[in-house]
PDB file of N, CA and C in Angstrom:
ATOM      1  N   MET A   1       0.829  -1.182   0.000  1.00  0.00           N
ATOM      2  CA  MET A   1       0.000   0.000   0.000  1.00  0.00           C
ATOM      3  C   MET A   1       0.873   1.245   0.000  1.00  0.00           C
ATOM      4  N   SER A   2       0.398   2.264  -0.638  1.00  0.00           N
ATOM      5  CA  SER A   2       1.168   3.503  -0.750  1.00  0.00           C
ATOM      6  C   SER A   2       0.999   4.375   0.487  1.00  0.00           C
ATOM      7  N   SER A   3       1.839   5.382   0.588  1.00  0.00           N
ATOM      8  CA  SER A   3       1.755   6.307   1.715  1.00  0.00           C
ATOM      9  C   SER A   3       0.521   7.207   1.622  1.00  0.00           C
ATOM     10  N   ASN A   4      -0.082   7.310   0.438  1.00  0.00           N
ATOM     11  CA  ASN A   4      -1.288   8.133   0.251  1.00  0.00           C
ATOM     12  C   ASN A   4      -2.572   7.356   0.513  1.00  0.00           C
ATOM     13  N   SER A   5      -2.457   6.079   0.825  1.00  0.00           N
ATOM     14  CA  SER A   5      -3.654   5.259   0.990  1.00  0.00           C
ATOM     15  C   SER A   5      -4.437   5.673   2.230  1.00  0.00           C
ATOM     16  N   LYS A   6      -5.733   5.444   2.164  1.00  0.00           N
ATOM     17  CA  LYS A   6      -6.654   5.741   3.261  1.00  0.00           C
ATOM     18  C   LYS A   6      -7.340   4.440   3.662  1.00  0.00           C
ATOM     19  N   THR A   7      -7.693   4.337   4.933  1.00  0.00           N
ATOM     20  CA  THR A   7      -8.404   3.169   5.432  1.00  0.00           C
ATOM     21  C   THR A   7      -9.659   3.618   6.166  1.00  0.00           C
ATOM     22  N   TYR A   8     -10.753   2.940   5.865  1.00  0.00           N
ATOM     23  CA  TYR A   8     -12.050   3.215   6.476  1.00  0.00           C
ATOM     24  C   TYR A   8     -12.549   1.906   7.074  1.00  0.00           C
ATOM     25  N   THR A   9     -13.165   1.943   8.251  1.00  0.00           N
ATOM     26  CA  THR A   9     -13.597   0.701   8.886  1.00  0.00           C
ATOM     27  C   THR A   9     -14.966   0.831   9.536  1.00  0.00           C
ATOM     28  N   ASN A  10     -15.639  -0.285   9.664  1.00  0.00           N
ATOM     29  CA  ASN A  10     -16.886  -0.360  10.424  1.00  0.00           C
ATOM     30  C   ASN A  10     -16.696  -1.250  11.654  1.00  0.00           C
ATOM     31  N   GLY A  11     -15.461  -1.627  11.928  1.00  0.00           N
ATOM     32  CA  GLY A  11     -15.148  -2.491  13.049  1.00  0.00           C
ATOM     33  C   GLY A  11     -14.988  -3.939  12.634  1.00  0.00           C
ATOM     34  N   GLU A  12     -15.782  -4.403  11.689  1.00  0.00           N
ATOM     35  CA  GLU A  12     -15.709  -5.783  11.207  1.00  0.00           C
ATOM     36  C   GLU A  12     -14.781  -5.905   9.995  1.00  0.00           C
ATOM     37  N   VAL A  13     -14.934  -4.976   9.066  1.00  0.00           N
ATOM     38  CA  VAL A  13     -14.141  -4.992   7.845  1.00  0.00           C
ATOM     39  C   VAL A  13     -13.579  -3.585   7.617  1.00  0.00           C
ATOM     40  N   SER A  14     -12.411  -3.543   7.002  1.00  0.00           N
ATOM     41  CA  SER A  14     -11.793  -2.259   6.644  1.00  0.00           C
ATOM     42  C   SER A  14     -11.627  -2.190   5.137  1.00  0.00           C
ATOM     43  N   VAL A  15     -11.872  -1.021   4.581  1.00  0.00           N
ATOM     44  CA  VAL A  15     -11.683  -0.765   3.149  1.00  0.00           C
ATOM     45  C   VAL A  15     -10.489   0.159   3.000  1.00  0.00           C
ATOM     46  N   THR A  16      -9.616  -0.190   2.091  1.00  0.00           N
ATOM     47  CA  THR A  16      -8.466   0.660   1.780  1.00  0.00           C
ATOM     48  C   THR A  16      -8.698   1.299   0.412  1.00  0.00           C
ATOM     49  N   TRP A  17      -8.170   2.506   0.270  1.00  0.00           N
ATOM     50  CA  TRP A  17      -8.264   3.223  -1.007  1.00  0.00           C
ATOM     51  C   TRP A  17      -6.910   3.814  -1.325  1.00  0.00           C
ATOM     52  N   GLU A  18      -6.401   3.473  -2.509  1.00  0.00           N
ATOM     53  CA  GLU A  18      -5.128   4.002  -2.996  1.00  0.00           C
ATOM     54  C   GLU A  18      -5.440   4.942  -4.155  1.00  0.00           C
ATOM     55  N   PRO A  19      -5.501   6.254  -3.884  1.00  0.00           N
ATOM     56  CA  PRO A  19      -5.960   7.209  -4.896  1.00  0.00           C
ATOM     57  C   PRO A  19      -5.138   7.208  -6.185  1.00  0.00           C
ATOM     58  N   GLU A  20      -3.845   6.921  -6.094  1.00  0.00           N
ATOM     59  CA  GLU A  20      -3.033   6.944  -7.316  1.00  0.00           C
ATOM     60  C   GLU A  20      -3.348   5.786  -8.259  1.00  0.00           C
ATOM     61  N   LYS A  21      -4.021   4.759  -7.779  1.00  0.00           N
ATOM     62  CA  LYS A  21      -4.435   3.636  -8.626  1.00  0.00           C
ATOM     63  C   LYS A  21      -5.821   3.852  -9.223  1.00  0.00           C
ATOM     64  N   CYS A  22      -6.582   4.771  -8.651  1.00  0.00           N
ATOM     65  CA  CYS A  22      -7.980   4.958  -9.036  1.00  0.00           C
ATOM     66  C   CYS A  22      -8.094   5.499 -10.465  1.00  0.00           C
ATOM     67  N   ILE A  23      -8.919   4.836 -11.270  1.00  0.00           N
ATOM     68  CA  ILE A  23      -9.156   5.287 -12.643  1.00  0.00           C
ATOM     69  C   ILE A  23     -10.529   5.970 -12.772  1.00  0.00           C
ATOM     70  N   HIS A  24     -11.191   6.167 -11.641  1.00  0.00           N
ATOM     71  CA  HIS A  24     -12.468   6.875 -11.579  1.00  0.00           C
ATOM     72  C   HIS A  24     -13.516   6.280 -12.514  1.00  0.00           C
ATOM     73  N   SER A  25     -13.601   4.946 -12.506  1.00  0.00           N
ATOM     74  CA  SER A  25     -14.606   4.266 -13.326  1.00  0.00           C
ATOM     75  C   SER A  25     -16.014   4.517 -12.806  1.00  0.00           C
ATOM     76  N   GLY A  26     -16.135   4.800 -11.511  1.00  0.00           N
ATOM     77  CA  GLY A  26     -17.438   5.055 -10.911  1.00  0.00           C
ATOM     78  C   GLY A  26     -18.185   3.807 -10.502  1.00  0.00           C
ATOM     79  N   ASN A  27     -17.581   2.629 -10.671  1.00  0.00           N
ATOM     80  CA  ASN A  27     -18.256   1.386 -10.286  1.00  0.00           C
ATOM     81  C   ASN A  27     -18.690   1.402  -8.833  1.00  0.00           C
ATOM     82  N   CYS A  28     -17.851   1.905  -7.970  1.00  0.00           N
ATOM     83  CA  CYS A  28     -18.161   1.909  -6.539  1.00  0.00           C
ATOM     84  C   CYS A  28     -19.390   2.756  -6.250  1.00  0.00           C
ATOM     85  N   ALA A  29     -19.424   3.974  -6.759  1.00  0.00           N
ATOM     86  CA  ALA A  29     -20.537   4.880  -6.503  1.00  0.00           C
ATOM     87  C   ALA A  29     -21.827   4.403  -7.167  1.00  0.00           C
ATOM     88  N   ARG A  30     -21.738   3.926  -8.385  1.00  0.00           N
ATOM     89  CA  ARG A  30     -22.936   3.431  -9.075  1.00  0.00           C
ATOM     90  C   ARG A  30     -23.488   2.186  -8.405  1.00  0.00           C
ATOM     91  N   GLY A  31     -22.616   1.359  -7.869  1.00  0.00           N
ATOM     92  CA  GLY A  31     -23.056   0.113  -7.261  1.00  0.00           C
ATOM     93  C   GLY A  31     -23.518   0.243  -5.826  1.00  0.00           C
ATOM     94  N   LEU A  32     -22.945   1.193  -5.078  1.00  0.00           N
ATOM     95  CA  LEU A  32     -23.287   1.320  -3.658  1.00  0.00           C
ATOM     96  C   LEU A  32     -23.078   2.770  -3.224  1.00  0.00           C
ATOM     97  N   PHE A  33     -23.911   3.651  -3.787  1.00  0.00           N
ATOM     98  CA  PHE A  33     -23.752   5.092  -3.588  1.00  0.00           C
ATOM     99  C   PHE A  33     -23.862   5.502  -2.126  1.00  0.00           C
ATOM    100  N   LYS A  34     -24.670   4.794  -1.352  1.00  0.00           N
ATOM    101  CA  LYS A  34     -24.828   5.183   0.052  1.00  0.00           C
ATOM    102  C   LYS A  34     -23.528   5.024   0.836  1.00  0.00           C
ATOM    103  N   VAL A  35     -22.624   4.191   0.369  1.00  0.00           N
ATOM    104  CA  VAL A  35     -21.304   4.027   1.001  1.00  0.00           C
ATOM    105  C   VAL A  35     -20.255   4.862   0.283  1.00  0.00           C
ATOM    106  N   PHE A  36     -20.200   4.753  -1.040  1.00  0.00           N
ATOM    107  CA  PHE A  36     -19.167   5.401  -1.857  1.00  0.00           C
ATOM    108  C   PHE A  36     -19.748   6.627  -2.554  1.00  0.00           C
ATOM    109  N   ASN A  37     -19.633   7.783  -1.898  1.00  0.00           N
ATOM    110  CA  ASN A  37     -20.194   9.023  -2.428  1.00  0.00           C
ATOM    111  C   ASN A  37     -19.059  10.044  -2.576  1.00  0.00           C
ATOM    112  N   PRO A  38     -18.543  10.235  -3.791  1.00  0.00           N
ATOM    113  CA  PRO A  38     -17.389  11.115  -3.988  1.00  0.00           C
ATOM    114  C   PRO A  38     -17.661  12.588  -3.673  1.00  0.00           C
ATOM    115  N   LYS A  39     -18.902  12.977  -3.484  1.00  0.00           N
ATOM    116  CA  LYS A  39     -19.219  14.373  -3.156  1.00  0.00           C
ATOM    117  C   LYS A  39     -19.237  14.619  -1.651  1.00  0.00           C
ATOM    118  N   ARG A  40     -19.066  13.569  -0.869  1.00  0.00           N
ATOM    119  CA  ARG A  40     -19.106  13.669   0.591  1.00  0.00           C
ATOM    120  C   ARG A  40     -17.678  13.547   1.138  1.00  0.00           C
ATOM    121  N   LYS A  41     -17.427  14.140   2.271  1.00  0.00           N
ATOM    122  CA  LYS A  41     -16.139  14.024   2.956  1.00  0.00           C
ATOM    123  C   LYS A  41     -16.359  13.432   4.332  1.00  0.00           C
ATOM    124  N   PRO A  42     -15.771  12.334   4.720  1.00  0.00           N
ATOM    125  CA  PRO A  42     -15.030  11.446   3.846  1.00  0.00           C
ATOM    126  C   PRO A  42     -15.973  10.757   2.859  1.00  0.00           C
ATOM    127  N   TRP A  43     -15.445  10.368   1.738  1.00  0.00           N
ATOM    128  CA  TRP A  43     -16.287   9.871   0.659  1.00  0.00           C
ATOM    129  C   TRP A  43     -16.735   8.429   0.849  1.00  0.00           C
ATOM    130  N   ILE A  44     -16.128   7.712   1.794  1.00  0.00           N
ATOM    131  CA  ILE A  44     -16.548   6.344   2.117  1.00  0.00           C
ATOM    132  C   ILE A  44     -17.151   6.360   3.515  1.00  0.00           C
ATOM    133  N   ASP A  45     -18.417   5.962   3.628  1.00  0.00           N
ATOM    134  CA  ASP A  45     -19.111   5.872   4.912  1.00  0.00           C
ATOM    135  C   ASP A  45     -19.477   4.414   5.158  1.00  0.00           C
ATOM    136  N   MET A  46     -18.682   3.765   5.964  1.00  0.00           N
ATOM    137  CA  MET A  46     -18.802   2.323   6.198  1.00  0.00           C
ATOM    138  C   MET A  46     -20.056   1.941   6.995  1.00  0.00           C
ATOM    139  N   ASP A  47     -20.753   2.901   7.561  1.00  0.00           N
ATOM    140  CA  ASP A  47     -21.945   2.609   8.357  1.00  0.00           C
ATOM    141  C   ASP A  47     -23.222   2.549   7.517  1.00  0.00           C
ATOM    142  N   GLN A  48     -23.101   2.720   6.214  1.00  0.00           N
ATOM    143  CA  GLN A  48     -24.284   2.806   5.356  1.00  0.00           C
ATOM    144  C   GLN A  48     -24.682   1.499   4.686  1.00  0.00           C
ATOM    145  N   ALA A  49     -23.959   0.405   4.945  1.00  0.00           N
ATOM    146  CA  ALA A  49     -24.289  -0.887   4.342  1.00  0.00           C
ATOM    147  C   ALA A  49     -23.668  -1.988   5.194  1.00  0.00           C
ATOM    148  N   THR A  50     -24.064  -3.203   4.913  1.00  0.00           N
ATOM    149  CA  THR A  50     -23.483  -4.338   5.638  1.00  0.00           C
ATOM    150  C   THR A  50     -22.067  -4.598   5.133  1.00  0.00           C
ATOM    151  N   SER A  51     -21.302  -5.282   5.946  1.00  0.00           N
ATOM    152  CA  SER A  51     -19.939  -5.639   5.543  1.00  0.00           C
ATOM    153  C   SER A  51     -19.953  -6.452   4.258  1.00  0.00           C
ATOM    154  N   GLU A  52     -20.900  -7.362   4.135  1.00  0.00           N
ATOM    155  CA  GLU A  52     -20.996  -8.196   2.937  1.00  0.00           C
ATOM    156  C   GLU A  52     -21.254  -7.357   1.690  1.00  0.00           C
ATOM    157  N   GLU A  53     -22.163  -6.398   1.783  1.00  0.00           N
ATOM    158  CA  GLU A  53     -22.456  -5.525   0.643  1.00  0.00           C
ATOM    159  C   GLU A  53     -21.220  -4.720   0.247  1.00  0.00           C
ATOM    160  N   ILE A  54     -20.519  -4.212   1.226  1.00  0.00           N
ATOM    161  CA  ILE A  54     -19.325  -3.405   0.966  1.00  0.00           C
ATOM    162  C   ILE A  54     -18.244  -4.242   0.297  1.00  0.00           C
ATOM    163  N   VAL A  55     -17.967  -5.415   0.847  1.00  0.00           N
ATOM    164  CA  VAL A  55     -16.930  -6.290   0.281  1.00  0.00           C
ATOM    165  C   VAL A  55     -17.283  -6.672  -1.151  1.00  0.00           C
ATOM    166  N   ASN A  56     -18.544  -7.009  -1.396  1.00  0.00           N
ATOM    167  CA  ASN A  56     -18.959  -7.377  -2.753  1.00  0.00           C
ATOM    168  C   ASN A  56     -18.732  -6.235  -3.731  1.00  0.00           C
ATOM    169  N   GLN A  57     -18.975  -5.002  -3.304  1.00  0.00           N
ATOM    170  CA  GLN A  57     -18.761  -3.856  -4.195  1.00  0.00           C
ATOM    171  C   GLN A  57     -17.277  -3.581  -4.392  1.00  0.00           C
ATOM    172  N   VAL A  58     -16.493  -3.666  -3.345  1.00  0.00           N
ATOM    173  CA  VAL A  58     -15.042  -3.438  -3.459  1.00  0.00           C
ATOM    174  C   VAL A  58     -14.429  -4.420  -4.450  1.00  0.00           C
ATOM    175  N   LYS A  59     -14.894  -5.646  -4.462  1.00  0.00           N
ATOM    176  CA  LYS A  59     -14.373  -6.675  -5.381  1.00  0.00           C
ATOM    177  C   LYS A  59     -14.586  -6.303  -6.845  1.00  0.00           C
ATOM    178  N   LYS A  60     -15.494  -5.370  -7.113  1.00  0.00           N
ATOM    179  CA  LYS A  60     -15.794  -4.957  -8.488  1.00  0.00           C
ATOM    180  C   LYS A  60     -14.925  -3.799  -8.969  1.00  0.00           C
ATOM    181  N   CYS A  61     -14.021  -3.319  -8.132  1.00  0.00           N
ATOM    182  CA  CYS A  61     -13.152  -2.200  -8.513  1.00  0.00           C
ATOM    183  C   CYS A  61     -12.172  -2.666  -9.596  1.00  0.00           C
ATOM    184  N   PRO A  62     -12.248  -2.085 -10.798  1.00  0.00           N
ATOM    185  CA  PRO A  62     -11.419  -2.571 -11.904  1.00  0.00           C
ATOM    186  C   PRO A  62      -9.928  -2.233 -11.785  1.00  0.00           C
ATOM    187  N   SER A  63      -9.598  -1.201 -11.038  1.00  0.00           N
ATOM    188  CA  SER A  63      -8.199  -0.775 -10.972  1.00  0.00           C
ATOM    189  C   SER A  63      -7.450  -1.357  -9.779  1.00  0.00           C
ATOM    190  N   GLY A  64      -8.188  -1.893  -8.806  1.00  0.00           N
ATOM    191  CA  GLY A  64      -7.554  -2.360  -7.581  1.00  0.00           C
ATOM    192  C   GLY A  64      -7.271  -1.242  -6.592  1.00  0.00           C
ATOM    193  N   ALA A  65      -7.815  -0.063  -6.852  1.00  0.00           N
ATOM    194  CA  ALA A  65      -7.618   1.063  -5.931  1.00  0.00           C
ATOM    195  C   ALA A  65      -8.321   0.814  -4.600  1.00  0.00           C
ATOM    196  N   LEU A  66      -9.432   0.086  -4.644  1.00  0.00           N
ATOM    197  CA  LEU A  66     -10.138  -0.289  -3.425  1.00  0.00           C
ATOM    198  C   LEU A  66      -9.756  -1.711  -3.040  1.00  0.00           C
ATOM    199  N   GLY A  67      -9.521  -1.903  -1.787  1.00  0.00           N
ATOM    200  CA  GLY A  67      -9.236  -3.225  -1.249  1.00  0.00           C
ATOM    201  C   GLY A  67      -9.942  -3.372   0.086  1.00  0.00           C
ATOM    202  N   TYR A  68      -9.867  -4.548   0.666  1.00  0.00           N
ATOM    203  CA  TYR A  68     -10.504  -4.754   1.960  1.00  0.00           C
ATOM    204  C   TYR A  68      -9.775  -5.826   2.746  1.00  0.00           C
ATOM    205  N   PHE A  69      -9.999  -5.810   4.042  1.00  0.00           N
ATOM    206  CA  PHE A  69      -9.538  -6.895   4.911  1.00  0.00           C
ATOM    207  C   PHE A  69     -10.477  -6.946   6.105  1.00  0.00           C
ATOM    208  N   TYR A  70     -10.604  -8.159   6.644  1.00  0.00           N
ATOM    209  CA  TYR A  70     -11.426  -8.335   7.840  1.00  0.00           C
ATOM    210  C   TYR A  70     -10.560  -8.055   9.055  1.00  0.00           C
ATOM    211  N   ASN A  71     -11.107  -7.319   9.996  1.00  0.00           N
ATOM    212  CA  ASN A  71     -10.395  -6.974  11.212  1.00  0.00           C
ATOM    213  C   ASN A  71     -10.372  -8.160  12.160  1.00  0.00           C
ATOM    214  N   GLU A  72      -9.327  -8.270  12.938  1.00  0.00           N
ATOM    215  CA  GLU A  72      -9.246  -9.336  13.923  1.00  0.00           C
ATOM    216  C   GLU A  72     -10.252  -9.084  15.015  1.00  0.00           C
ATOM    217  N   LYS A  73     -10.804 -10.157  15.518  1.00  0.00           N
ATOM    218  CA  LYS A  73     -11.803 -10.043  16.590  1.00  0.00           C
ATOM    219  C   LYS A  73     -11.174 -10.180  17.930  1.00  0.00           C
TER     220      LYS A  73
END
């Protein structure tokens, strides 16, 4: 991960974003706008969907700018 990467979490799962990899395809926002809203700061709100919904959407990122990991319990 790069030094510019950001991490967002809901306690169960964390989403990472590497802006330099982002190609701005919009898949994230079109697929799950309530979580991925580029007009909001911060633009990822992990409390707006289930962990499963978020992970499924992150997997659709074509550039790999979005990633995820499950937090240890």
